[in-house]
Amino acid sequence: MTTDDKTKYYQSTQHREMRPELKFALSQVHSGKTAIDCGCGAGANIKHLRAAGFTVYAFDNDDCSIQLCRQQYNNDSEVHLSLESFGSYQYPCSSLILADASLFFCPLDEIDLFAKKMSISLESNGIFCGGFLGARDTMANGNGKTSNYWGKVLVLNESRIRDLLSNFNILKWTELETEGLTPTGETHHWHMHNIVAKRI
C-alpha cells in the first residue's frame, strides 16, 4: 500500500462512528477506566474511549497511523501512543482491550503471544472487544484490491478463536457477512467475527 493509499484510507476512517460492539463493551466495564487500542489506525476509537472517560494506551505498527494520532492527541496527557506490533507491545494493566479490524494484520506467529499478553494485562472481569476476519471476506480470498493493499492477512476459524479466548466468557459473538463498500469506496464482501468477551 502506497503512502497516498494509506493517507486516503486513514482519512476515510478518522471520524468513524462508534461501532455497536464497542458501545456494548463499554457497558460491560465495571471497574477501572484504562483501555488499550490495538492497531489504532486513524484514532477514531481513541476519541470514543476518551469521551467515555478512559485513559487510552494505543499502538500501531504503521508510522503513518501513529503520526496522524499524535497530531490529534499530542496535547492529551491521557493518551499514550506507541509504534509497536501485537507481539512487541508491552501491555499495561487494563480494564478494556480493543482490537477493532486490526487483528486481521497480526502475524500468525504473534497471535498466541498477543492472547497471552492480553490475558495478563486484563484485570479480572476485564473486557476484550475485537474482530477476526472470516474466510469468505474479500481480503481473505486473495483476489480483492484491499488484500493487495495490505498484503497477507490472518484468518482463523471458530475453533481457533475460541482456543485463543479460552480464559474468557463470550458475552457477544456476531458473525457478519454482507456486501458493501470499504471506507475508500471499493466493493467488498465482508465476513467478520465480532466478539465481546469477559476475562475470567
N, C-alpha and C. Protein backbone atom coordinates (compact mmCIF):
# COMPACT_ATOMS: atom_id res chain seq x y z
N MET A 1 0.85 -1.19 0.00
CA MET A 1 0.00 0.00 0.00
C MET A 1 0.89 1.24 0.00
N THR A 2 0.64 2.16 -0.92
CA THR A 2 1.45 3.36 -1.01
C THR A 2 1.10 4.33 0.11
N THR A 3 1.96 5.31 0.32
CA THR A 3 1.68 6.32 1.35
C THR A 3 0.40 7.06 1.04
N ASP A 4 0.16 7.38 -0.24
CA ASP A 4 -1.08 8.07 -0.62
C ASP A 4 -2.30 7.21 -0.33
N ASP A 5 -2.20 5.90 -0.61
CA ASP A 5 -3.30 4.98 -0.32
C ASP A 5 -3.59 4.94 1.17
N LYS A 6 -2.53 4.87 1.98
CA LYS A 6 -2.70 4.84 3.43
C LYS A 6 -3.36 6.12 3.93
N THR A 7 -2.88 7.25 3.43
CA THR A 7 -3.44 8.54 3.85
C THR A 7 -4.92 8.61 3.51
N LYS A 8 -5.28 8.17 2.32
CA LYS A 8 -6.68 8.17 1.90
C LYS A 8 -7.51 7.27 2.80
N TYR A 9 -6.98 6.10 3.10
CA TYR A 9 -7.70 5.16 3.97
C TYR A 9 -7.88 5.74 5.37
N TYR A 10 -6.81 6.24 5.95
CA TYR A 10 -6.88 6.77 7.31
C TYR A 10 -7.83 7.97 7.39
N GLN A 11 -7.79 8.83 6.39
CA GLN A 11 -8.68 9.99 6.39
C GLN A 11 -10.13 9.57 6.32
N SER A 12 -10.41 8.47 5.61
CA SER A 12 -11.78 7.99 5.46
C SER A 12 -12.32 7.35 6.73
N THR A 13 -11.42 6.93 7.64
CA THR A 13 -11.86 6.26 8.87
C THR A 13 -11.67 7.12 10.12
N GLN A 14 -11.07 8.28 9.97
CA GLN A 14 -10.68 9.10 11.12
C GLN A 14 -11.85 9.52 11.99
N HIS A 15 -13.01 9.73 11.38
CA HIS A 15 -14.17 10.22 12.12
C HIS A 15 -15.31 9.19 12.14
N ARG A 16 -14.95 7.92 12.06
CA ARG A 16 -15.94 6.85 12.05
C ARG A 16 -16.75 6.83 13.34
N GLU A 17 -18.03 6.57 13.22
CA GLU A 17 -18.89 6.47 14.40
C GLU A 17 -18.54 5.22 15.21
N MET A 18 -18.95 5.24 16.47
CA MET A 18 -18.67 4.10 17.34
C MET A 18 -19.43 2.87 16.86
N ARG A 19 -18.72 1.75 16.77
CA ARG A 19 -19.37 0.51 16.37
C ARG A 19 -20.23 -0.02 17.52
N PRO A 20 -21.32 -0.77 17.19
CA PRO A 20 -22.19 -1.32 18.24
C PRO A 20 -21.44 -2.21 19.22
N GLU A 21 -20.44 -2.95 18.74
CA GLU A 21 -19.69 -3.85 19.62
C GLU A 21 -18.93 -3.07 20.69
N LEU A 22 -18.35 -1.94 20.32
CA LEU A 22 -17.64 -1.14 21.31
C LEU A 22 -18.62 -0.52 22.29
N LYS A 23 -19.75 -0.07 21.80
CA LYS A 23 -20.76 0.51 22.70
C LYS A 23 -21.19 -0.53 23.73
N PHE A 24 -21.41 -1.77 23.29
CA PHE A 24 -21.77 -2.84 24.22
C PHE A 24 -20.63 -3.14 25.18
N ALA A 25 -19.41 -3.20 24.66
CA ALA A 25 -18.25 -3.48 25.50
C ALA A 25 -18.10 -2.44 26.60
N LEU A 26 -18.28 -1.18 26.27
CA LEU A 26 -18.17 -0.11 27.27
C LEU A 26 -19.20 -0.30 28.38
N SER A 27 -20.38 -0.80 28.02
CA SER A 27 -21.43 -1.01 29.04
C SER A 27 -21.08 -2.16 29.98
N GLN A 28 -20.10 -2.99 29.61
CA GLN A 28 -19.72 -4.14 30.42
C GLN A 28 -18.50 -3.88 31.31
N VAL A 29 -17.88 -2.72 31.18
CA VAL A 29 -16.72 -2.37 32.00
C VAL A 29 -17.22 -1.77 33.30
N HIS A 30 -16.93 -2.44 34.41
CA HIS A 30 -17.48 -2.00 35.70
C HIS A 30 -16.41 -1.68 36.74
N SER A 31 -15.16 -1.68 36.33
CA SER A 31 -14.12 -1.37 37.33
C SER A 31 -13.30 -0.17 36.86
N GLY A 32 -12.04 -0.38 36.46
CA GLY A 32 -11.19 0.74 36.08
C GLY A 32 -11.56 1.31 34.72
N LYS A 33 -10.91 2.40 34.38
CA LYS A 33 -11.15 3.01 33.07
C LYS A 33 -9.82 3.22 32.35
N THR A 34 -9.16 2.09 32.08
CA THR A 34 -7.94 2.11 31.30
C THR A 34 -8.12 1.17 30.12
N ALA A 35 -7.94 1.70 28.91
CA ALA A 35 -8.16 0.92 27.71
C ALA A 35 -6.90 0.85 26.87
N ILE A 36 -6.75 -0.24 26.13
CA ILE A 36 -5.69 -0.39 25.14
C ILE A 36 -6.34 -0.53 23.78
N ASP A 37 -5.96 0.33 22.85
CA ASP A 37 -6.46 0.27 21.48
C ASP A 37 -5.36 -0.35 20.61
N CYS A 38 -5.57 -1.60 20.22
CA CYS A 38 -4.57 -2.35 19.46
C CYS A 38 -4.75 -2.12 17.97
N GLY A 39 -3.73 -1.59 17.32
CA GLY A 39 -3.87 -1.26 15.91
C GLY A 39 -4.80 -0.08 15.75
N CYS A 40 -4.41 1.06 16.32
CA CYS A 40 -5.33 2.20 16.48
C CYS A 40 -5.66 2.94 15.20
N GLY A 41 -4.91 2.69 14.12
CA GLY A 41 -5.24 3.31 12.85
C GLY A 41 -5.28 4.83 12.93
N ALA A 42 -6.37 5.42 12.46
CA ALA A 42 -6.50 6.87 12.41
C ALA A 42 -6.94 7.48 13.74
N GLY A 43 -7.23 6.64 14.73
CA GLY A 43 -7.54 7.15 16.06
C GLY A 43 -9.00 7.40 16.36
N ALA A 44 -9.90 6.90 15.52
CA ALA A 44 -11.33 7.13 15.75
C ALA A 44 -11.78 6.56 17.10
N ASN A 45 -11.30 5.35 17.42
CA ASN A 45 -11.73 4.74 18.68
C ASN A 45 -11.09 5.40 19.90
N ILE A 46 -9.93 6.01 19.71
CA ILE A 46 -9.33 6.77 20.82
C ILE A 46 -10.28 7.88 21.23
N LYS A 47 -10.84 8.54 20.24
CA LYS A 47 -11.79 9.62 20.52
C LYS A 47 -12.99 9.10 21.30
N HIS A 48 -13.53 7.96 20.89
CA HIS A 48 -14.70 7.40 21.59
C HIS A 48 -14.35 6.98 23.01
N LEU A 49 -13.19 6.38 23.18
CA LEU A 49 -12.76 5.94 24.51
C LEU A 49 -12.51 7.14 25.43
N ARG A 50 -11.91 8.18 24.91
CA ARG A 50 -11.66 9.38 25.72
C ARG A 50 -13.00 10.02 26.12
N ALA A 51 -13.95 10.04 25.19
CA ALA A 51 -15.27 10.62 25.50
C ALA A 51 -15.96 9.84 26.61
N ALA A 52 -15.63 8.54 26.72
CA ALA A 52 -16.21 7.69 27.77
C ALA A 52 -15.40 7.76 29.06
N GLY A 53 -14.36 8.60 29.11
CA GLY A 53 -13.60 8.81 30.33
C GLY A 53 -12.43 7.88 30.54
N PHE A 54 -11.99 7.17 29.49
CA PHE A 54 -10.88 6.23 29.63
C PHE A 54 -9.53 6.89 29.40
N THR A 55 -8.54 6.47 30.18
CA THR A 55 -7.15 6.69 29.80
C THR A 55 -6.84 5.67 28.71
N VAL A 56 -6.22 6.11 27.62
CA VAL A 56 -6.04 5.24 26.46
C VAL A 56 -4.57 5.02 26.14
N TYR A 57 -4.19 3.76 26.08
CA TYR A 57 -2.89 3.35 25.56
C TYR A 57 -3.16 2.76 24.18
N ALA A 58 -2.50 3.30 23.17
CA ALA A 58 -2.78 2.87 21.79
C ALA A 58 -1.48 2.60 21.06
N PHE A 59 -1.51 1.59 20.21
CA PHE A 59 -0.33 1.29 19.41
C PHE A 59 -0.74 0.89 17.99
N ASP A 60 0.19 1.05 17.09
CA ASP A 60 0.04 0.59 15.71
C ASP A 60 1.46 0.38 15.19
N ASN A 61 1.62 -0.53 14.25
CA ASN A 61 2.96 -0.76 13.71
C ASN A 61 3.22 0.06 12.44
N ASP A 62 2.28 0.96 12.12
CA ASP A 62 2.41 1.81 10.95
C ASP A 62 2.71 3.24 11.39
N ASP A 63 3.83 3.76 10.96
CA ASP A 63 4.25 5.10 11.38
C ASP A 63 3.26 6.17 10.94
N CYS A 64 2.65 5.99 9.78
CA CYS A 64 1.66 6.96 9.29
C CYS A 64 0.49 7.08 10.27
N SER A 65 0.06 5.94 10.78
CA SER A 65 -1.02 5.91 11.77
C SER A 65 -0.64 6.67 13.03
N ILE A 66 0.52 6.36 13.58
CA ILE A 66 0.95 6.99 14.83
C ILE A 66 1.15 8.49 14.65
N GLN A 67 1.71 8.90 13.53
CA GLN A 67 1.90 10.33 13.29
C GLN A 67 0.57 11.06 13.23
N LEU A 68 -0.41 10.45 12.58
CA LEU A 68 -1.73 11.05 12.49
C LEU A 68 -2.38 11.17 13.87
N CYS A 69 -2.23 10.13 14.68
CA CYS A 69 -2.80 10.16 16.04
C CYS A 69 -2.08 11.19 16.91
N ARG A 70 -0.79 11.33 16.73
CA ARG A 70 -0.05 12.32 17.51
C ARG A 70 -0.50 13.74 17.18
N GLN A 71 -0.84 13.97 15.92
CA GLN A 71 -1.35 15.28 15.54
C GLN A 71 -2.65 15.60 16.26
N GLN A 72 -3.48 14.57 16.47
CA GLN A 72 -4.78 14.78 17.10
C GLN A 72 -4.71 14.83 18.62
N TYR A 73 -3.83 14.02 19.21
CA TYR A 73 -3.86 13.83 20.66
C TYR A 73 -2.58 14.26 21.37
N ASN A 74 -1.77 15.04 20.69
CA ASN A 74 -0.49 15.47 21.25
C ASN A 74 -0.64 16.20 22.57
N ASN A 75 -1.73 16.92 22.76
CA ASN A 75 -1.93 17.72 23.98
C ASN A 75 -2.80 17.01 25.02
N ASP A 76 -3.10 15.75 24.78
CA ASP A 76 -3.94 14.98 25.71
C ASP A 76 -3.04 14.04 26.52
N SER A 77 -2.85 14.37 27.78
CA SER A 77 -1.95 13.59 28.64
C SER A 77 -2.51 12.20 28.98
N GLU A 78 -3.78 11.96 28.64
CA GLU A 78 -4.40 10.66 28.93
C GLU A 78 -4.36 9.73 27.73
N VAL A 79 -3.67 10.13 26.68
CA VAL A 79 -3.49 9.28 25.50
C VAL A 79 -2.00 8.99 25.35
N HIS A 80 -1.66 7.70 25.31
CA HIS A 80 -0.26 7.27 25.24
C HIS A 80 -0.08 6.42 23.98
N LEU A 81 0.70 6.92 23.03
CA LEU A 81 0.85 6.30 21.72
C LEU A 81 2.20 5.60 21.57
N SER A 82 2.19 4.45 20.89
CA SER A 82 3.44 3.69 20.68
C SER A 82 3.45 3.10 19.27
N LEU A 83 4.63 3.11 18.67
CA LEU A 83 4.85 2.45 17.39
C LEU A 83 5.35 1.03 17.69
N GLU A 84 4.40 0.08 17.74
CA GLU A 84 4.71 -1.30 18.13
C GLU A 84 3.79 -2.26 17.38
N SER A 85 4.12 -3.53 17.48
CA SER A 85 3.28 -4.59 16.91
C SER A 85 2.54 -5.31 18.02
N PHE A 86 1.64 -6.22 17.64
CA PHE A 86 0.89 -7.00 18.63
C PHE A 86 1.84 -7.78 19.54
N GLY A 87 2.91 -8.31 18.98
CA GLY A 87 3.82 -9.12 19.77
C GLY A 87 4.81 -8.34 20.58
N SER A 88 5.23 -7.18 20.08
CA SER A 88 6.28 -6.42 20.77
C SER A 88 5.74 -5.46 21.84
N TYR A 89 4.47 -5.09 21.75
CA TYR A 89 3.91 -4.10 22.68
C TYR A 89 3.90 -4.64 24.11
N GLN A 90 4.23 -3.76 25.06
CA GLN A 90 4.18 -4.10 26.48
C GLN A 90 2.84 -3.60 27.04
N TYR A 91 1.92 -4.52 27.24
CA TYR A 91 0.55 -4.17 27.60
C TYR A 91 0.44 -3.78 29.07
N PRO A 92 -0.03 -2.56 29.37
CA PRO A 92 -0.23 -2.17 30.76
C PRO A 92 -1.48 -2.84 31.34
N CYS A 93 -1.64 -2.76 32.63
CA CYS A 93 -2.85 -3.26 33.28
C CYS A 93 -4.04 -2.48 32.73
N SER A 94 -5.11 -3.19 32.38
CA SER A 94 -6.23 -2.52 31.71
C SER A 94 -7.55 -3.16 32.08
N SER A 95 -8.61 -2.42 31.83
CA SER A 95 -9.96 -2.94 32.04
C SER A 95 -10.66 -3.23 30.72
N LEU A 96 -10.10 -2.73 29.61
CA LEU A 96 -10.67 -2.95 28.28
C LEU A 96 -9.55 -3.02 27.25
N ILE A 97 -9.59 -4.06 26.41
CA ILE A 97 -8.67 -4.17 25.28
C ILE A 97 -9.50 -4.23 24.01
N LEU A 98 -9.21 -3.32 23.11
CA LEU A 98 -9.95 -3.19 21.86
C LEU A 98 -9.03 -3.53 20.68
N ALA A 99 -9.51 -4.39 19.80
CA ALA A 99 -8.79 -4.72 18.56
C ALA A 99 -9.80 -4.68 17.43
N ASP A 100 -10.13 -3.48 17.01
CA ASP A 100 -11.20 -3.24 16.03
C ASP A 100 -10.62 -3.29 14.62
N ALA A 101 -10.94 -4.36 13.88
CA ALA A 101 -10.48 -4.51 12.49
C ALA A 101 -8.97 -4.41 12.37
N SER A 102 -8.27 -4.87 13.39
CA SER A 102 -6.80 -4.81 13.35
C SER A 102 -6.14 -6.17 13.49
N LEU A 103 -6.81 -7.13 14.14
CA LEU A 103 -6.22 -8.46 14.28
C LEU A 103 -6.06 -9.15 12.94
N PHE A 104 -6.73 -8.62 11.90
CA PHE A 104 -6.54 -9.15 10.54
C PHE A 104 -5.06 -9.11 10.16
N PHE A 105 -4.36 -8.12 10.72
CA PHE A 105 -2.98 -7.85 10.30
C PHE A 105 -1.95 -8.31 11.34
N CYS A 106 -2.42 -9.04 12.35
CA CYS A 106 -1.49 -9.62 13.31
C CYS A 106 -0.79 -10.82 12.65
N PRO A 107 0.53 -10.86 12.64
CA PRO A 107 1.23 -12.01 12.05
C PRO A 107 0.83 -13.31 12.77
N LEU A 108 0.74 -14.37 12.02
CA LEU A 108 0.34 -15.65 12.59
C LEU A 108 1.23 -16.05 13.77
N ASP A 109 2.53 -15.75 13.67
CA ASP A 109 3.44 -16.16 14.74
C ASP A 109 3.38 -15.24 15.96
N GLU A 110 2.49 -14.22 15.94
CA GLU A 110 2.34 -13.33 17.09
C GLU A 110 0.97 -13.47 17.77
N ILE A 111 0.03 -14.20 17.16
CA ILE A 111 -1.33 -14.19 17.68
C ILE A 111 -1.43 -14.89 19.04
N ASP A 112 -0.69 -15.97 19.25
CA ASP A 112 -0.73 -16.63 20.55
C ASP A 112 -0.07 -15.77 21.63
N LEU A 113 0.99 -15.09 21.26
CA LEU A 113 1.65 -14.18 22.20
C LEU A 113 0.72 -13.03 22.56
N PHE A 114 0.00 -12.51 21.57
CA PHE A 114 -0.98 -11.46 21.85
C PHE A 114 -2.03 -11.94 22.85
N ALA A 115 -2.57 -13.14 22.62
CA ALA A 115 -3.60 -13.67 23.52
C ALA A 115 -3.06 -13.83 24.93
N LYS A 116 -1.82 -14.28 25.05
CA LYS A 116 -1.20 -14.44 26.37
C LYS A 116 -1.02 -13.09 27.05
N LYS A 117 -0.47 -12.12 26.33
CA LYS A 117 -0.25 -10.80 26.90
C LYS A 117 -1.57 -10.13 27.27
N MET A 118 -2.58 -10.33 26.43
CA MET A 118 -3.89 -9.75 26.72
C MET A 118 -4.47 -10.31 28.01
N SER A 119 -4.36 -11.62 28.19
CA SER A 119 -4.89 -12.27 29.40
C SER A 119 -4.19 -11.76 30.65
N ILE A 120 -2.88 -11.50 30.54
CA ILE A 120 -2.13 -10.98 31.69
C ILE A 120 -2.50 -9.53 31.95
N SER A 121 -2.66 -8.76 30.89
CA SER A 121 -2.94 -7.33 31.01
C SER A 121 -4.30 -7.04 31.62
N LEU A 122 -5.31 -7.80 31.18
CA LEU A 122 -6.67 -7.50 31.63
C LEU A 122 -6.89 -7.94 33.07
N GLU A 123 -7.46 -7.04 33.83
CA GLU A 123 -7.83 -7.39 35.21
C GLU A 123 -8.97 -8.39 35.18
N SER A 124 -9.23 -9.04 36.30
CA SER A 124 -10.35 -9.97 36.39
C SER A 124 -11.64 -9.26 36.00
N ASN A 125 -12.43 -9.88 35.14
CA ASN A 125 -13.66 -9.31 34.60
C ASN A 125 -13.42 -8.18 33.60
N GLY A 126 -12.16 -8.00 33.19
CA GLY A 126 -11.86 -7.04 32.13
C GLY A 126 -12.45 -7.50 30.81
N ILE A 127 -12.61 -6.57 29.88
CA ILE A 127 -13.34 -6.84 28.64
C ILE A 127 -12.42 -6.78 27.42
N PHE A 128 -12.58 -7.78 26.55
CA PHE A 128 -11.96 -7.77 25.23
C PHE A 128 -13.04 -7.50 24.20
N CYS A 129 -12.75 -6.60 23.26
CA CYS A 129 -13.66 -6.31 22.16
C CYS A 129 -12.84 -6.33 20.88
N GLY A 130 -13.12 -7.29 20.00
CA GLY A 130 -12.30 -7.37 18.81
C GLY A 130 -12.96 -8.12 17.68
N GLY A 131 -12.37 -8.01 16.50
CA GLY A 131 -12.91 -8.66 15.32
C GLY A 131 -11.88 -9.55 14.65
N PHE A 132 -12.33 -10.70 14.18
CA PHE A 132 -11.49 -11.63 13.44
C PHE A 132 -12.03 -11.77 12.02
N LEU A 133 -11.13 -11.86 11.06
CA LEU A 133 -11.51 -11.94 9.65
C LEU A 133 -12.03 -13.33 9.32
N GLY A 134 -13.17 -13.38 8.63
CA GLY A 134 -13.74 -14.64 8.20
C GLY A 134 -13.15 -15.11 6.88
N ALA A 135 -13.28 -16.39 6.61
CA ALA A 135 -12.64 -16.99 5.44
C ALA A 135 -13.22 -16.52 4.11
N ARG A 136 -14.46 -16.00 4.13
CA ARG A 136 -15.10 -15.60 2.88
C ARG A 136 -14.99 -14.09 2.62
N ASP A 137 -14.23 -13.40 3.45
CA ASP A 137 -14.03 -11.96 3.23
C ASP A 137 -13.17 -11.72 1.98
N THR A 138 -13.42 -10.61 1.31
CA THR A 138 -12.64 -10.25 0.13
C THR A 138 -11.15 -10.22 0.44
N MET A 139 -10.80 -9.72 1.62
CA MET A 139 -9.39 -9.65 1.99
C MET A 139 -8.78 -11.03 2.14
N ALA A 140 -9.59 -11.99 2.57
CA ALA A 140 -9.08 -13.33 2.84
C ALA A 140 -8.89 -14.15 1.58
N ASN A 141 -9.67 -13.84 0.53
CA ASN A 141 -9.61 -14.72 -0.65
C ASN A 141 -8.45 -14.40 -1.58
N GLY A 142 -7.75 -13.31 -1.30
CA GLY A 142 -6.54 -13.01 -2.06
C GLY A 142 -6.78 -12.36 -3.40
N ASN A 143 -8.05 -12.20 -3.80
CA ASN A 143 -8.35 -11.62 -5.10
C ASN A 143 -8.81 -10.18 -5.03
N GLY A 144 -8.97 -9.67 -3.83
CA GLY A 144 -9.52 -8.33 -3.69
C GLY A 144 -8.44 -7.26 -3.67
N LYS A 145 -8.83 -6.06 -4.07
CA LYS A 145 -7.89 -4.95 -4.11
C LYS A 145 -7.39 -4.62 -2.71
N THR A 146 -8.29 -4.72 -1.72
CA THR A 146 -7.88 -4.43 -0.34
C THR A 146 -6.79 -5.39 0.11
N SER A 147 -6.91 -6.65 -0.26
CA SER A 147 -5.89 -7.63 0.09
C SER A 147 -4.55 -7.26 -0.54
N ASN A 148 -4.61 -6.77 -1.77
CA ASN A 148 -3.38 -6.35 -2.42
C ASN A 148 -2.75 -5.14 -1.72
N TYR A 149 -3.61 -4.25 -1.21
CA TYR A 149 -3.12 -3.10 -0.45
C TYR A 149 -2.35 -3.55 0.78
N TRP A 150 -2.98 -4.44 1.55
CA TRP A 150 -2.46 -4.75 2.88
C TRP A 150 -1.56 -5.96 2.93
N GLY A 151 -1.54 -6.77 1.89
CA GLY A 151 -0.70 -7.96 1.94
C GLY A 151 -1.38 -9.09 2.68
N LYS A 152 -0.59 -9.95 3.30
CA LYS A 152 -1.10 -11.15 3.96
C LYS A 152 -1.96 -10.78 5.16
N VAL A 153 -3.08 -11.49 5.30
CA VAL A 153 -3.99 -11.25 6.42
C VAL A 153 -4.18 -12.54 7.21
N LEU A 154 -4.62 -12.38 8.45
CA LEU A 154 -4.81 -13.52 9.35
C LEU A 154 -6.27 -13.95 9.34
N VAL A 155 -6.51 -15.20 9.03
CA VAL A 155 -7.86 -15.77 9.04
C VAL A 155 -7.86 -16.95 10.00
N LEU A 156 -8.77 -16.92 10.98
CA LEU A 156 -8.87 -18.00 11.95
C LEU A 156 -10.28 -18.57 11.94
N ASN A 157 -10.40 -19.89 12.10
CA ASN A 157 -11.74 -20.47 12.18
C ASN A 157 -12.28 -20.34 13.61
N GLU A 158 -13.54 -20.70 13.78
CA GLU A 158 -14.20 -20.51 15.07
C GLU A 158 -13.50 -21.28 16.19
N SER A 159 -13.07 -22.50 15.92
CA SER A 159 -12.40 -23.30 16.93
C SER A 159 -11.12 -22.63 17.41
N ARG A 160 -10.36 -22.09 16.47
CA ARG A 160 -9.09 -21.42 16.82
C ARG A 160 -9.35 -20.15 17.61
N ILE A 161 -10.38 -19.42 17.26
CA ILE A 161 -10.72 -18.20 18.00
C ILE A 161 -11.10 -18.55 19.43
N ARG A 162 -11.92 -19.58 19.59
CA ARG A 162 -12.33 -19.99 20.95
C ARG A 162 -11.13 -20.46 21.76
N ASP A 163 -10.18 -21.09 21.11
CA ASP A 163 -8.96 -21.52 21.79
C ASP A 163 -8.18 -20.31 22.30
N LEU A 164 -8.07 -19.28 21.47
CA LEU A 164 -7.36 -18.05 21.89
C LEU A 164 -8.05 -17.38 23.07
N LEU A 165 -9.38 -17.51 23.12
CA LEU A 165 -10.16 -16.86 24.17
C LEU A 165 -10.59 -17.84 25.26
N SER A 166 -9.78 -18.84 25.50
CA SER A 166 -10.14 -19.87 26.48
C SER A 166 -10.21 -19.33 27.91
N ASN A 167 -9.57 -18.20 28.18
CA ASN A 167 -9.63 -17.59 29.51
C ASN A 167 -10.75 -16.56 29.62
N PHE A 168 -11.68 -16.59 28.69
CA PHE A 168 -12.74 -15.59 28.63
C PHE A 168 -14.12 -16.25 28.57
N ASN A 169 -15.11 -15.53 29.07
CA ASN A 169 -16.50 -15.87 28.83
C ASN A 169 -16.99 -15.00 27.67
N ILE A 170 -17.54 -15.64 26.64
CA ILE A 170 -18.04 -14.90 25.49
C ILE A 170 -19.37 -14.23 25.87
N LEU A 171 -19.42 -12.92 25.75
CA LEU A 171 -20.65 -12.18 26.04
C LEU A 171 -21.47 -11.94 24.79
N LYS A 172 -20.79 -11.75 23.68
CA LYS A 172 -21.48 -11.46 22.42
C LYS A 172 -20.58 -11.90 21.26
N TRP A 173 -21.14 -12.69 20.37
CA TRP A 173 -20.40 -13.14 19.18
C TRP A 173 -21.31 -12.92 17.98
N THR A 174 -20.92 -12.01 17.11
CA THR A 174 -21.72 -11.69 15.94
C THR A 174 -20.92 -12.04 14.69
N GLU A 175 -21.48 -12.93 13.87
CA GLU A 175 -20.85 -13.24 12.59
C GLU A 175 -21.52 -12.38 11.52
N LEU A 176 -20.74 -11.49 10.95
CA LEU A 176 -21.24 -10.56 9.94
C LEU A 176 -20.82 -11.02 8.56
N GLU A 177 -21.78 -11.13 7.64
CA GLU A 177 -21.46 -11.44 6.25
C GLU A 177 -22.39 -10.64 5.36
N THR A 178 -21.81 -9.72 4.60
CA THR A 178 -22.63 -8.83 3.79
C THR A 178 -21.80 -8.19 2.69
N GLU A 179 -22.49 -7.71 1.66
CA GLU A 179 -21.84 -6.95 0.60
C GLU A 179 -21.84 -5.48 1.00
N GLY A 180 -20.78 -4.78 0.64
CA GLY A 180 -20.73 -3.36 0.98
C GLY A 180 -19.55 -2.68 0.32
N LEU A 181 -19.19 -1.56 0.88
CA LEU A 181 -18.08 -0.77 0.37
C LEU A 181 -17.04 -0.58 1.46
N THR A 182 -15.79 -0.49 1.06
CA THR A 182 -14.73 -0.14 2.01
C THR A 182 -14.84 1.35 2.33
N PRO A 183 -14.13 1.83 3.37
CA PRO A 183 -14.14 3.26 3.67
C PRO A 183 -13.68 4.14 2.51
N THR A 184 -12.92 3.54 1.58
CA THR A 184 -12.45 4.31 0.42
C THR A 184 -13.30 4.07 -0.83
N GLY A 185 -14.47 3.41 -0.65
CA GLY A 185 -15.44 3.30 -1.73
C GLY A 185 -15.32 2.11 -2.65
N GLU A 186 -14.55 1.09 -2.29
CA GLU A 186 -14.38 -0.10 -3.13
C GLU A 186 -15.39 -1.18 -2.73
N THR A 187 -15.87 -1.92 -3.71
CA THR A 187 -16.79 -3.02 -3.45
C THR A 187 -16.08 -4.09 -2.62
N HIS A 188 -16.81 -4.61 -1.63
CA HIS A 188 -16.18 -5.55 -0.70
C HIS A 188 -17.23 -6.52 -0.17
N HIS A 189 -16.84 -7.79 -0.07
CA HIS A 189 -17.67 -8.78 0.62
C HIS A 189 -17.12 -8.93 2.03
N TRP A 190 -17.89 -8.51 3.02
CA TRP A 190 -17.44 -8.55 4.41
C TRP A 190 -17.82 -9.88 5.05
N HIS A 191 -16.86 -10.48 5.74
CA HIS A 191 -17.11 -11.66 6.57
C HIS A 191 -16.24 -11.53 7.81
N MET A 192 -16.89 -11.27 8.94
CA MET A 192 -16.15 -10.99 10.18
C MET A 192 -16.82 -11.67 11.36
N HIS A 193 -16.00 -11.99 12.35
CA HIS A 193 -16.48 -12.46 13.64
C HIS A 193 -16.16 -11.35 14.67
N ASN A 194 -17.21 -10.66 15.13
CA ASN A 194 -17.05 -9.59 16.10
C ASN A 194 -17.40 -10.10 17.50
N ILE A 195 -16.47 -9.95 18.43
CA ILE A 195 -16.61 -10.61 19.72
C ILE A 195 -16.39 -9.64 20.87
N VAL A 196 -17.23 -9.77 21.88
CA VAL A 196 -17.03 -9.10 23.16
C VAL A 196 -16.97 -10.20 24.21
N ALA A 197 -15.90 -10.22 25.00
CA ALA A 197 -15.70 -11.30 25.97
C ALA A 197 -15.15 -10.76 27.28
N LYS A 198 -15.45 -11.48 28.36
CA LYS A 198 -15.02 -11.05 29.70
C LYS A 198 -13.94 -11.98 30.22
N ARG A 199 -12.85 -11.38 30.71
CA ARG A 199 -11.76 -12.16 31.30
C ARG A 199 -12.24 -12.87 32.55
N ILE A 200 -11.96 -14.16 32.62
CA ILE A 200 -12.38 -14.97 33.78
C ILE A 200 -11.47 -14.68 34.95
